[in-house]
């Protein structure tokens, strides 16, 4: 007599559980480890996102803070330690073809982009009388035109299911049309600088309008779009006099940090933040304009 169970009664071994796919965030302007872009990247990686990010070393090299050697590599390593797949993409945003190349590389390496975070900037102080045409055009090429083209490219490629949450099956994939809870996220960082900072402030003001238009024009895709003004965040560009003045002008008695901005962006990119749409949000500790 055979005491062994017949093959027909054997139970198949359970399939190993597979982790849900992490959604992909594309973050521009992640060139320095102390920058706002890097802070946002760390926060989103910790919240379960894979991260593609752009940087442009020649810009940092000509600014007063200088380039940070190996920043892209070290930032990517940090994000990987938080569980994220990463793609560091060096890109000069003054070129109108840069957004297509950025999205091509991000998609090839990580997959479809669910969230687009615009944290890049050209920022060189000058006023009405001393701004050159070259500087004016460069600010608008980077801060405004590149942002428009990145948003446009995102909208042309986005295929998320409007009824899915970021990270669920269908988020950033499929062929969703119509309105719903929405998976797509656009967040752009802005500034209210004007006096003595003409090209930067003007180009950021134009960025605001483009991003807020996206909240309506991309609504059929299930995409939300918001603008965040992080207020005074010292990432190496302030001198002691300016730092003291801005600290005294903030009711909370301190300057902002990249983490302050990152927490708000993280919320806006989460399912819980979906109802916030088409807004210009000031996350500045109550600092006076």
Protein backbone atom coordinates (compact mmCIF):
# COMPACT_ATOMS: atom_id res chain seq x y z
CA UNK A 1 0.00 0.00 0.00
CA UNK A 2 1.35 3.37 -0.96
CA UNK A 3 1.10 5.88 1.88
CA UNK A 4 2.31 8.78 -0.30
CA UNK A 5 -0.36 11.19 -1.60
CA UNK A 6 -1.04 10.93 -5.29
CA UNK A 7 0.19 13.65 -7.60
CA UNK A 8 -3.37 14.80 -8.16
CA UNK A 9 -3.68 15.74 -4.48
CA UNK A 10 -0.38 17.59 -4.16
CA UNK A 11 -0.64 21.31 -3.65
CA UNK A 12 1.52 23.54 -5.78
CA UNK A 13 3.98 25.74 -3.95
CA UNK A 14 2.63 29.28 -3.61
CA UNK A 15 3.95 31.83 -6.04
CA UNK A 16 6.47 34.17 -4.39
CA UNK A 17 4.94 37.52 -3.60
CA UNK A 18 6.12 40.34 -5.79
CA UNK A 19 6.41 43.88 -4.54
CA UNK A 20 4.16 46.41 -6.29
CA UNK A 21 5.92 48.53 -8.87
CA UNK A 22 7.23 51.81 -7.51
CA UNK A 23 6.01 54.88 -9.40
CA UNK A 24 8.65 57.05 -11.07
CA UNK A 25 9.28 60.70 -10.23
CA UNK A 26 11.35 62.90 -12.53
CA UNK A 27 12.95 65.75 -10.57
CA UNK A 28 14.93 68.52 -12.28
CA UNK A 29 17.66 70.59 -10.65
CA UNK A 30 19.23 67.99 -8.35
CA UNK A 31 22.82 69.12 -8.67
CA UNK A 32 23.90 69.58 -5.05
CA UNK A 33 23.38 67.45 -1.98
CA UNK A 34 22.18 70.42 0.11
CA UNK A 35 19.74 71.67 -2.52
CA UNK A 36 15.95 71.62 -2.45
CA UNK A 37 15.85 69.19 -5.37
CA UNK A 38 17.99 66.68 -3.50
CA UNK A 39 15.80 67.04 -0.42
CA UNK A 40 12.70 66.29 -2.48
CA UNK A 41 14.40 63.30 -4.10
CA UNK A 42 15.30 61.82 -0.70
CA UNK A 43 11.78 62.28 0.64
CA UNK A 44 10.07 60.73 -2.37
CA UNK A 45 12.53 57.82 -2.40
CA UNK A 46 11.69 57.16 1.25
CA UNK A 47 7.98 57.28 0.34
CA UNK A 48 8.31 54.56 -2.27
CA UNK A 49 9.16 56.33 -5.51
CA UNK A 50 11.87 55.52 -8.02
CA UNK A 51 13.77 58.68 -8.95
CA UNK A 52 15.10 60.07 -12.21
CA UNK A 53 16.83 63.41 -11.70
CA UNK A 54 18.63 65.98 -13.78
CA UNK A 55 21.63 68.14 -12.99
CA UNK A 56 23.89 70.54 -14.86
CA UNK A 57 27.36 70.95 -13.37
CA UNK A 58 28.44 73.95 -15.51
CA UNK A 59 25.70 76.05 -13.93
CA UNK A 60 26.86 75.33 -10.38
CA UNK A 61 30.46 75.91 -11.44
CA UNK A 62 29.77 79.51 -12.49
CA UNK A 63 27.72 80.32 -9.37
CA UNK A 64 29.23 81.58 -6.12
CA UNK A 65 28.73 78.25 -4.35
CA UNK A 66 30.64 76.29 -6.99
CA UNK A 67 30.18 72.74 -8.24
CA UNK A 68 30.03 69.83 -5.81
CA UNK A 69 32.28 67.08 -7.11
CA UNK A 70 30.55 63.72 -7.34
CA UNK A 71 27.20 65.07 -6.17
CA UNK A 72 25.09 63.14 -8.68
CA UNK A 73 26.79 59.87 -7.77
CA UNK A 74 26.46 60.39 -4.02
CA UNK A 75 22.81 61.49 -4.27
CA UNK A 76 21.99 58.46 -6.42
CA UNK A 77 23.67 56.23 -3.85
CA UNK A 78 21.56 57.73 -1.04
CA UNK A 79 18.37 57.18 -3.00
CA UNK A 80 19.32 53.59 -3.76
CA UNK A 81 19.89 52.97 -0.05
CA UNK A 82 16.28 54.10 0.48
CA UNK A 83 15.14 51.42 -1.97
CA UNK A 84 14.79 53.53 -5.11
CA UNK A 85 15.98 52.72 -8.58
CA UNK A 86 17.68 55.85 -9.89
CA UNK A 87 18.67 57.55 -13.12
CA UNK A 88 20.95 60.61 -12.97
CA UNK A 89 20.71 62.60 -16.19
CA UNK A 90 23.05 65.51 -16.94
CA UNK A 91 21.14 68.00 -19.08
CA UNK A 92 21.54 71.58 -20.27
CA UNK A 93 18.02 72.97 -20.17
CA UNK A 94 18.88 75.94 -22.38
CA UNK A 95 18.49 73.58 -25.35
CA UNK A 96 14.91 73.11 -26.60
CA UNK A 97 15.54 69.43 -27.34
CA UNK A 98 16.63 68.64 -23.77
CA UNK A 99 13.15 67.69 -22.41
CA UNK A 100 12.65 64.99 -25.05
CA UNK A 101 16.06 63.50 -24.34
CA UNK A 102 15.45 63.62 -20.58
CA UNK A 103 12.14 61.78 -20.84
CA UNK A 104 13.59 59.26 -23.29
CA UNK A 105 16.39 58.39 -20.88
CA UNK A 106 14.15 58.34 -17.80
CA UNK A 107 11.67 56.01 -19.48
CA UNK A 108 14.33 53.71 -20.88
CA UNK A 109 16.00 53.32 -17.51
CA UNK A 110 13.06 53.40 -15.08
CA UNK A 111 9.77 53.33 -16.96
CA UNK A 112 6.91 55.81 -17.43
CA UNK A 113 7.01 58.98 -15.35
CA UNK A 114 4.14 59.50 -12.89
CA UNK A 115 5.29 62.71 -11.16
CA UNK A 116 7.19 65.65 -12.65
CA UNK A 117 8.88 67.96 -10.13
CA UNK A 118 10.40 71.15 -11.55
CA UNK A 119 13.15 72.25 -9.16
CA UNK A 120 15.69 73.65 -11.63
CA UNK A 121 16.50 77.34 -11.97
CA UNK A 122 18.72 79.88 -13.63
CA UNK A 123 19.21 82.58 -10.99
CA UNK A 124 21.62 85.49 -11.41
CA UNK A 125 20.77 88.72 -9.59
CA UNK A 126 20.24 91.80 -11.74
CA UNK A 127 17.68 94.58 -11.99
CA UNK A 128 15.81 96.59 -14.60
CA UNK A 129 18.81 98.71 -15.59
CA UNK A 130 21.65 96.20 -15.54
CA UNK A 131 20.09 92.97 -16.86
CA UNK A 132 21.60 92.04 -20.21
CA UNK A 133 19.59 90.62 -23.08
CA UNK A 134 21.70 87.47 -22.90
CA UNK A 135 20.91 86.96 -19.20
CA UNK A 136 17.22 87.72 -19.73
CA UNK A 137 16.96 85.19 -22.56
CA UNK A 138 18.87 82.52 -20.59
CA UNK A 139 16.55 82.88 -17.58
CA UNK A 140 13.47 82.49 -19.74
CA UNK A 141 15.00 79.60 -21.68
CA UNK A 142 15.69 77.63 -18.49
CA UNK A 143 13.01 78.72 -16.05
CA UNK A 144 10.11 79.18 -18.46
CA UNK A 145 10.63 77.55 -21.86
CA UNK A 146 12.26 74.38 -20.52
CA UNK A 147 9.54 74.06 -17.88
CA UNK A 148 6.81 74.42 -20.51
CA UNK A 149 8.49 71.84 -22.75
CA UNK A 150 8.96 69.41 -19.85
CA UNK A 151 5.29 69.77 -18.88
CA UNK A 152 4.26 69.37 -22.52
CA UNK A 153 6.39 66.26 -22.94
CA UNK A 154 4.97 64.84 -19.73
CA UNK A 155 1.42 65.46 -20.96
CA UNK A 156 2.11 63.89 -24.36
CA UNK A 157 3.56 60.75 -22.78
CA UNK A 158 1.46 60.29 -19.66
CA UNK A 159 -0.61 57.11 -19.74
CA UNK A 160 -1.67 56.70 -16.13
CA UNK A 161 -5.09 55.38 -15.24
CA UNK A 162 -7.12 58.30 -13.85
CA UNK A 163 -8.75 56.03 -11.27
CA UNK A 164 -5.52 54.57 -9.87
CA UNK A 165 -3.32 55.80 -7.06
CA UNK A 166 0.41 56.38 -7.56
CA UNK A 167 2.07 53.00 -7.12
CA UNK A 168 -1.01 50.94 -7.96
CA UNK A 169 -1.20 48.86 -11.16
CA UNK A 170 -1.93 51.24 -13.99
CA UNK A 171 -0.23 54.23 -12.40
CA UNK A 172 1.93 55.65 -15.15
CA UNK A 173 0.89 52.82 -17.47
CA UNK A 174 -2.09 51.76 -19.55
CA UNK A 175 -4.30 54.04 -21.61
CA UNK A 176 -6.45 55.89 -19.13
CA UNK A 177 -8.80 58.60 -20.33
CA UNK A 178 -11.54 60.51 -18.59
CA UNK A 179 -11.64 62.01 -15.15
CA UNK A 180 -11.09 60.26 -11.84
CA UNK A 181 -9.05 60.22 -8.70
CA UNK A 182 -5.94 60.65 -10.81
CA UNK A 183 -2.37 59.42 -10.68
CA UNK A 184 -0.37 62.17 -12.37
CA UNK A 185 1.40 64.92 -10.48
CA UNK A 186 3.17 68.10 -11.57
CA UNK A 187 4.78 70.33 -8.94
CA UNK A 188 6.83 73.39 -9.89
CA UNK A 189 8.93 75.46 -7.50
CA UNK A 190 8.62 79.21 -7.86
CA UNK A 191 9.72 82.47 -6.24
CA UNK A 192 8.23 85.91 -5.61
CA UNK A 193 11.54 87.73 -6.13
CA UNK A 194 11.19 90.85 -8.25
CA UNK A 195 13.22 93.87 -7.14
CA UNK A 196 16.87 93.47 -8.07
CA UNK A 197 16.13 90.04 -9.49
CA UNK A 198 14.23 90.91 -12.64
CA UNK A 199 14.91 88.02 -15.04
CA UNK A 200 14.59 85.36 -12.34
CA UNK A 201 11.35 86.73 -10.89
CA UNK A 202 9.77 87.43 -14.27
CA UNK A 203 10.61 83.99 -15.64
CA UNK A 204 9.31 82.30 -12.50
CA UNK A 205 6.07 84.29 -12.77
CA UNK A 206 5.61 82.93 -16.28
CA UNK A 207 6.32 79.42 -14.99
CA UNK A 208 3.47 79.85 -12.49
CA UNK A 209 0.97 80.57 -15.27
CA UNK A 210 2.10 77.59 -17.36
CA UNK A 211 1.86 75.18 -14.42
CA UNK A 212 -1.56 76.39 -13.34
CA UNK A 213 -2.80 76.06 -16.92
CA UNK A 214 -1.69 72.42 -16.82
CA UNK A 215 -4.08 71.77 -13.91
CA UNK A 216 -6.95 72.39 -16.36
CA UNK A 217 -5.51 71.36 -19.71
CA UNK A 218 -4.24 67.99 -18.43
CA UNK A 219 -7.23 67.26 -16.18
CA UNK A 220 -8.58 64.69 -18.67
CA UNK A 221 -5.45 62.61 -17.99
CA UNK A 222 -5.98 62.52 -14.25
CA UNK A 223 -3.08 64.93 -13.61
CA UNK A 224 -2.90 67.57 -10.90
CA UNK A 225 -0.54 70.55 -11.16
CA UNK A 226 0.51 72.92 -8.40
CA UNK A 227 3.14 75.59 -7.76
CA UNK A 228 5.07 75.77 -4.48
CA UNK A 229 6.88 78.87 -3.23
CA UNK A 230 9.33 77.54 -0.61
CA UNK A 231 10.28 80.99 0.71
CA UNK A 232 13.78 81.70 2.02
CA UNK A 233 15.78 78.47 1.99
CA UNK A 234 19.53 78.86 2.42
CA UNK A 235 21.23 76.35 0.17
CA UNK A 236 24.51 78.25 -0.01
CA UNK A 237 23.48 81.45 -1.80
CA UNK A 238 22.90 83.73 1.22
CA UNK A 239 25.46 85.98 2.87
CA UNK A 240 25.34 86.61 6.63
CA UNK A 241 23.51 89.94 6.32
CA UNK A 242 20.77 88.51 4.12
CA UNK A 243 20.45 85.41 6.25
CA UNK A 244 19.93 87.48 9.41
CA UNK A 245 17.43 89.81 7.75
CA UNK A 246 15.33 86.97 6.35
CA UNK A 247 15.38 85.10 9.65
CA UNK A 248 14.13 88.19 11.50
CA UNK A 249 11.38 88.66 8.90
CA UNK A 250 9.98 85.16 9.41
CA UNK A 251 7.51 84.72 12.29
CA UNK A 252 8.87 81.27 13.12
CA UNK A 253 12.34 82.75 13.59
CA UNK A 254 14.21 80.49 11.23
CA UNK A 255 14.87 79.92 7.55
CA UNK A 256 13.28 77.18 5.54
CA UNK A 257 15.02 73.88 4.87
CA UNK A 258 14.93 71.58 1.85
CA UNK A 259 13.04 69.12 4.06
CA UNK A 260 10.25 71.66 4.64
CA UNK A 261 9.66 71.87 0.90
CA UNK A 262 10.10 68.13 0.43
CA UNK A 263 7.36 67.28 2.94
CA UNK A 264 4.83 69.43 1.05
CA UNK A 265 5.83 68.02 -2.34
CA UNK A 266 5.59 64.50 -0.91
CA UNK A 267 2.04 65.22 0.25
CA UNK A 268 1.03 66.71 -3.10
CA UNK A 269 2.37 63.60 -4.87
CA UNK A 270 0.51 61.24 -2.54
CA UNK A 271 -3.05 59.95 -3.00
CA UNK A 272 -4.04 62.13 -0.01
CA UNK A 273 -2.88 65.27 -1.87
CA UNK A 274 -4.94 64.71 -5.00
CA UNK A 275 -7.64 67.23 -4.09
CA UNK A 276 -5.10 70.06 -4.01
CA UNK A 277 -4.94 71.21 -7.62
CA UNK A 278 -4.26 74.38 -9.58
CA UNK A 279 -2.85 76.18 -6.53
CA UNK A 280 0.11 78.44 -5.81
CA UNK A 281 1.09 77.40 -2.29
CA UNK A 282 3.36 79.41 -0.03
CA UNK A 283 5.38 77.13 2.24
CA UNK A 284 7.49 79.89 3.72
CA UNK A 285 6.93 80.00 7.47
CA UNK A 286 4.87 83.17 7.11
CA UNK A 287 7.74 85.25 5.70
CA UNK A 288 6.63 88.65 4.49
CA UNK A 289 6.98 89.23 0.73
